[in-house]
Protein backbone atom coordinates (compact mmCIF):
# COMPACT_ATOMS: atom_id res chain seq x y z
CA MET A 1 87.15 125.79 99.68
CA ALA A 2 85.14 124.57 102.65
CA GLU A 3 87.18 121.39 102.90
CA LYS A 4 90.41 121.39 104.88
CA THR A 5 93.71 119.75 104.03
CA LYS A 6 96.29 118.47 106.49
CA HIS A 7 99.11 115.98 106.88
CA ARG A 8 100.26 113.83 109.76
CA SER A 9 102.18 110.71 110.75
CA ALA A 10 101.00 107.43 109.22
CA VAL A 11 100.83 105.75 112.61
CA ASN A 12 98.14 108.15 113.81
CA PHE A 13 95.13 108.39 111.52
CA SER A 14 91.65 106.98 111.12
CA THR A 15 91.76 103.29 110.21
CA GLU A 16 88.77 103.64 107.89
CA VAL A 17 90.38 102.84 104.54
CA LEU A 18 89.13 101.42 101.27
CA TYR A 19 92.05 99.09 100.60
CA VAL A 20 94.19 96.96 102.90
CA TYR A 21 97.44 98.26 101.37
CA ASN A 22 96.65 101.70 102.80
CA SER A 23 95.88 100.49 106.32
CA PRO A 24 98.30 101.52 109.10
CA ARG A 25 99.38 97.90 109.65
CA HIS A 26 100.23 97.31 106.00
CA LEU A 27 102.05 100.64 105.73
CA GLN A 28 104.27 99.60 108.63
CA LEU A 29 105.05 96.34 106.82
CA GLN A 30 106.07 98.28 103.71
CA ALA A 31 108.36 100.69 105.59
CA LYS A 32 108.91 101.28 109.29
CA ALA A 33 109.38 105.03 108.97
CA GLY A 34 109.01 107.96 106.59
CA TRP A 35 105.23 107.97 106.14
CA ILE A 36 103.17 111.12 105.76
CA VAL A 37 99.38 110.98 105.51
CA PHE A 38 97.58 113.73 103.61
CA GLU A 39 93.86 114.09 104.24
CA LEU A 40 91.08 116.18 102.80
CA THR A 41 88.38 116.68 105.42
CA GLY A 42 84.83 118.00 105.20
CA PRO A 43 82.12 118.88 107.69
CA ALA A 44 82.38 117.22 111.12
CA ARG A 45 85.99 116.36 110.24
CA THR A 46 84.91 113.54 107.96
CA VAL A 47 87.72 112.35 105.67
CA LEU A 48 86.82 112.87 102.02
CA ALA A 49 90.12 111.73 100.49
CA ARG A 50 93.53 110.53 101.64
CA ILE A 51 96.93 109.52 100.33
CA ASN A 52 99.83 107.90 102.22
CA VAL A 53 103.25 108.94 100.96
CA ASN A 54 106.59 107.53 102.05
CA VAL A 55 109.52 109.94 101.98
CA ARG A 56 113.03 108.60 101.57
CA GLN A 57 115.83 111.08 100.84
CA ASN A 58 114.48 113.21 97.96
CA LYS A 59 111.91 110.71 96.69
CA ALA A 60 108.27 110.24 97.70
CA MET A 61 106.34 107.06 96.88
CA SER A 62 102.83 105.71 97.27
CA PRO A 63 103.20 102.79 97.90
CA VAL A 64 106.68 101.52 98.83
CA ARG A 65 106.00 97.81 98.49
CA ALA A 66 102.45 96.87 97.55
CA PRO A 67 100.41 96.43 94.35
CA PHE A 68 99.18 100.00 94.71
CA GLY A 69 98.79 102.94 97.08
CA SER A 70 97.53 106.23 95.62
CA PHE A 71 94.54 108.36 96.57
CA GLU A 72 91.55 106.89 98.32
CA ILE A 73 88.48 108.97 97.49
CA TYR A 74 85.55 108.42 99.84
CA SER A 75 83.09 111.04 98.61
CA ARG A 76 82.19 112.66 95.31
CA LEU A 77 84.64 115.52 94.78
CA SER A 78 84.54 118.30 92.24
CA PRO A 79 87.53 118.46 89.85
CA THR A 80 88.50 121.76 91.45
CA THR A 81 88.48 120.31 94.96
CA LEU A 82 90.55 117.30 93.93
CA LEU A 83 92.99 119.55 92.07
CA GLN A 84 93.44 121.80 95.11
CA PHE A 85 93.99 118.79 97.38
CA ILE A 86 96.70 117.35 95.13
CA GLN A 87 98.33 120.77 94.81
CA PHE A 88 98.42 120.92 98.61
CA VAL A 89 100.18 117.52 98.67
CA GLU A 90 102.69 118.66 96.06
CA ALA A 91 103.44 121.92 97.87
CA ALA A 92 104.00 120.14 101.19
CA LEU A 93 106.38 117.62 99.58
CA VAL A 94 108.33 120.29 97.73
CA GLN A 95 108.72 122.12 101.04
CA LYS A 96 110.33 118.93 102.36
CA LYS A 97 112.84 119.07 99.47
CA ILE A 98 111.22 116.23 97.52
CA ASN A 99 112.19 116.26 93.85
CA TYR A 100 110.44 113.09 92.62
CA LEU A 101 106.95 111.73 93.34
CA VAL A 102 105.63 108.32 92.21
CA ILE A 103 101.99 107.28 92.65
CA LYS A 104 100.96 103.75 91.71
CA ASN A 105 97.19 103.71 91.26
CA TRP A 106 94.68 100.93 91.77
CA PRO A 107 93.25 99.14 88.70
CA SER A 108 90.86 101.57 87.03
CA ILE A 109 88.00 99.07 87.12
CA TYR A 110 87.94 99.32 90.94
CA GLN A 111 86.52 102.86 90.80
CA PRO A 112 86.09 103.85 87.14
CA GLU A 113 84.79 107.39 87.63
CA GLN A 114 87.38 108.26 90.28
CA ALA A 115 90.11 106.79 88.06
CA LYS A 116 89.08 109.02 85.16
CA GLN A 117 88.96 112.05 87.43
CA LEU A 118 92.39 111.34 88.90
CA TYR A 119 93.89 110.83 85.46
CA LYS A 120 92.50 114.14 84.17
CA VAL A 121 93.77 116.10 87.18
CA LEU A 122 97.20 114.45 87.46
CA VAL A 123 98.04 114.24 83.75
CA ASN A 124 96.06 117.02 82.07
CA LYS A 125 96.15 119.63 84.84
CA LEU A 126 99.36 118.88 86.74
CA GLN A 127 101.53 117.39 83.97
CA PHE A 128 102.36 114.11 85.69
CA LYS A 129 103.94 111.52 83.41
CA VAL A 130 102.00 108.28 83.15
CA SER A 131 102.90 104.65 82.45
CA GLU A 132 100.31 101.97 81.89
CA GLU A 133 100.05 98.31 82.81
CA VAL A 134 97.21 95.97 81.92
CA SER A 135 95.24 94.47 84.79
CA SER A 136 92.78 91.57 84.59
CA VAL A 137 89.76 91.51 86.87
CA ILE A 138 86.85 89.08 87.08
CA PRO A 139 83.52 90.85 87.83
CA VAL A 140 81.52 88.75 90.28
CA SER A 141 77.77 88.39 89.83
CA ASN A 142 74.98 85.83 89.99
CA THR A 143 76.06 84.59 86.55
CA PRO A 144 78.19 81.43 86.88
CA LEU A 145 81.81 81.98 85.88
CA ARG A 146 81.72 78.92 83.63
CA VAL A 147 79.22 80.69 81.39
CA ARG A 148 81.81 83.41 80.73
CA MET A 149 84.67 80.98 80.11
CA LYS A 150 85.81 80.01 76.64
CA ILE A 151 84.77 76.52 75.59
CA SER A 152 88.24 75.03 76.10
CA GLU A 153 88.34 76.32 79.70
CA ARG A 154 84.84 75.04 80.44
CA GLN A 155 85.94 71.58 79.38
CA LYS A 156 88.94 71.74 81.72
CA ALA A 157 86.71 72.88 84.59
CA ARG A 158 84.29 69.99 84.01
CA LYS A 159 87.12 67.41 84.03
CA ALA A 160 88.70 68.85 87.19
CA GLU A 161 85.33 69.00 88.95
CA LYS A 162 85.09 65.21 88.64
CA LEU A 163 88.63 64.61 89.90
CA PHE A 164 89.21 67.08 92.75
CA SER A 165 87.52 68.54 95.80
CA PHE A 166 87.70 72.22 96.77
CA SER A 167 88.30 73.53 100.28
CA MET A 168 89.44 76.56 102.24
CA CYS A 169 92.56 75.77 104.25
CA GLY A 170 93.15 76.13 107.96
CA LEU A 171 96.14 77.85 109.55
CA ASN A 172 97.95 74.54 109.96
CA GLU A 173 97.97 74.13 106.15
CA TYR A 174 99.28 77.56 105.19
CA LYS A 175 102.95 76.62 104.90
CA THR A 176 102.06 73.44 102.99
CA ILE A 177 100.11 75.51 100.49
CA TYR A 178 102.90 78.07 100.17
CA ASP A 179 105.47 75.30 99.62
CA PHE A 180 103.22 73.67 97.02
CA ILE A 181 102.87 76.92 95.04
CA LEU A 182 106.62 77.56 95.31
CA THR A 183 107.35 74.08 93.93
CA CYS A 184 104.92 74.64 91.07
CA ARG A 185 106.65 77.90 90.19
CA GLN A 186 110.08 76.27 90.38
CA GLU A 187 108.89 73.54 88.01
CA ARG A 188 108.30 76.35 85.51
CA GLU A 189 111.59 78.11 86.37
CA GLN A 190 109.70 80.93 88.09
CA SER A 191 109.88 82.37 91.61
CA LEU A 192 107.68 84.01 94.24
CA SER A 193 108.00 87.66 95.23
CA LEU A 194 107.79 86.93 98.97
CA SER A 195 109.50 84.28 101.10
CA TRP A 196 107.53 82.16 103.55
CA LYS A 197 108.99 84.22 106.39
CA GLU A 198 107.67 87.43 104.80
CA ILE A 199 104.26 85.87 104.15
CA ARG A 200 104.06 84.60 107.73
CA THR A 201 104.94 88.05 109.10
CA THR A 202 102.30 89.70 106.91
CA ILE A 203 99.64 87.19 107.97
CA SER A 204 100.50 87.73 111.63
CA LYS A 205 99.81 91.47 111.17
CA LEU A 206 96.77 91.05 108.94
CA PRO A 207 95.29 87.64 109.75
CA ASP A 208 91.76 88.41 108.54
CA TRP A 209 92.91 89.50 105.11
CA PHE A 210 94.38 86.21 103.86
CA MET A 211 92.63 83.09 102.54
CA PHE A 212 94.25 79.87 101.35
CA PHE A 213 92.37 77.55 98.98
CA LYS A 214 93.17 74.19 97.42
CA LEU A 215 91.96 71.49 95.06
CA ALA A 216 92.91 68.02 96.21
CA GLY A 217 92.58 64.50 94.94
CA ALA A 218 92.68 61.32 96.98
CA THR A 219 96.42 61.55 97.67
CA ASP A 220 97.77 64.95 96.67
CA ILE A 221 97.16 68.66 96.05
CA ALA A 222 96.40 69.50 92.43
CA ALA A 223 96.10 73.29 92.64
CA ALA A 224 96.19 76.02 95.28
CA ALA A 225 95.81 79.76 95.70
CA ILE A 226 96.58 82.47 98.23
CA VAL A 227 93.96 85.21 98.10
CA ILE A 228 94.02 88.64 99.77
CA ARG A 229 90.92 90.52 100.86
CA VAL A 230 91.89 93.88 99.35
CA SER A 231 88.63 95.41 100.55
CA ASP A 232 85.11 94.36 101.49
CA LYS A 233 84.33 94.24 97.75
CA VAL A 234 87.60 93.07 96.15
CA TRP A 235 89.66 89.87 96.38
CA TYR A 236 93.13 89.57 94.87
CA THR A 237 94.57 86.24 93.70
CA PHE A 238 98.04 86.89 95.08
CA TYR A 239 99.53 83.51 94.13
CA TYR A 240 97.94 80.56 92.34
CA ALA A 241 99.34 77.47 90.63
CA HIS A 242 98.74 73.86 89.70
CA ALA A 243 101.13 70.92 89.67
CA ALA A 244 102.83 70.17 86.34
CA THR A 245 101.54 66.58 86.66
CA TYR A 246 98.07 67.92 85.91
CA ASN A 247 98.93 70.22 83.00
CA LYS A 248 96.47 68.48 80.68
CA VAL A 249 93.61 69.03 83.12
CA SER A 250 94.73 72.54 84.16
CA PRO A 251 92.94 72.34 87.54
CA VAL A 252 93.67 76.00 88.34
CA VAL A 253 90.75 76.85 86.03
CA TYR A 254 88.32 74.95 88.25
CA LEU A 255 90.02 76.36 91.34
CA LEU A 256 89.34 79.90 90.10
CA GLU A 257 85.71 78.94 89.46
CA CYS A 258 85.38 77.66 93.03
CA ILE A 259 86.95 80.85 94.41
CA TYR A 260 84.51 82.86 92.28
CA ASN A 261 81.58 80.91 93.74
CA GLN A 262 82.82 81.59 97.27
CA ALA A 263 83.26 85.28 96.43
CA ALA A 264 79.68 85.45 95.14
CA ILE A 265 78.41 84.01 98.43
CA GLU A 266 80.29 86.73 100.31
CA LYS A 267 78.92 89.50 98.02
CA ILE A 268 82.37 90.31 96.59
CA LYS A 269 82.21 92.43 93.43
CA LEU A 270 85.65 91.90 91.85
CA ILE A 271 88.39 89.26 91.80
CA ASP A 272 91.66 90.92 90.80
CA MET A 273 93.97 88.53 88.94
CA GLY A 274 96.82 91.04 88.86
CA THR A 275 98.77 92.54 85.99
CA SER A 276 99.87 90.63 82.91
CA MET A 277 103.24 92.28 82.41
CA LEU A 278 106.71 90.85 81.82
CA HIS A 279 109.73 93.18 81.66
CA ASP A 280 107.42 96.19 81.15
CA LYS A 281 105.66 94.53 78.21
CA ILE A 282 102.31 92.78 78.01
CA ASN A 283 102.57 89.03 78.55
CA LYS A 284 100.04 88.13 75.87
CA SER A 285 99.76 84.45 76.76
CA LEU A 286 99.06 85.25 80.43
CA MET A 287 96.54 87.93 79.51
CA HIS A 288 94.84 85.53 77.08
CA PHE A 289 94.54 82.89 79.82
CA LYS A 290 92.94 85.34 82.24
CA GLU A 291 90.48 86.54 79.61
CA SER A 292 89.66 82.95 78.65
CA VAL A 293 88.52 82.21 82.22
CA GLY A 294 86.25 85.26 82.32
CA ALA A 295 88.44 88.24 83.25
CA VAL A 296 88.11 91.73 81.84
CA THR A 297 91.34 93.55 80.98
CA GLY A 298 91.78 97.23 81.82
CA SER A 299 94.34 99.85 82.74
CA LYS A 300 96.46 100.28 85.85
CA PHE A 301 98.36 103.56 85.83
CA THR A 302 101.50 104.79 87.58
CA PHE A 303 101.93 108.56 87.76
CA SER A 304 105.25 110.32 88.30
CA LYS A 305 106.59 113.87 88.43
CA MET A 306 109.92 115.59 88.81
CA TYR A 307 110.26 118.82 90.78
CA ASP A 308 113.01 121.43 90.41
């Protein structure tokens, strides 16, 4: 084929990436060493596709610690070209004595056609095993989110709109917001995946990719969210919560509506609300909530393969 394939260190490649989790800075947060970058290049050395793989002992992973890694496809590729690129990746890893490869893909709604193509090549052509999670994403458009909400959620949003004001938080409020969300989770006997120290370190490396939002009354915070700019078209609601005091009002519904409105202003196309899984099973109540506020549920695949 006319395209060329190559691999190199993860600390030395073009920073033009689709998703923040595949940027050099985020890769270094996931793991300090062990990264290999595989690239498919076309004319004028333009990168057509890329995957970052971390090698540890006999296992290769994409990502190590992030919602997803996988292939970033920048141009339309033929099935044959994509197949040959992935075969190149496999051959290079096998040469390095890798016997297990895991690829966690982005939610299929991000790039539907590319997701279908990847699935066909990895599963049908290359016999990767596949596991599926459900992922809920709110498409952003000129249509108000409240129109897409179920009646019960619209009523909650109307009540909260009268009680609370929405704002984006400054740096000096970040820890307060994190502590608020942590307290809300603890009230429900839940936890957060990252400590404040880990969040602070991540923000210091990727300051432009984090946004903190809140709903506040006259004296206290009612709801808050930490949102990640996954790309120039996608936001991810990393953490969100409301105080148990306001359970009847459920102000997080109005908070999500306000975040949606802000996303529409910034021409964002998708708000990713994350997966709705609990112990490898669908958390039906969580999925129902996300759908009731206007989210669409789709697939998020993880591909894996053993090598002799």
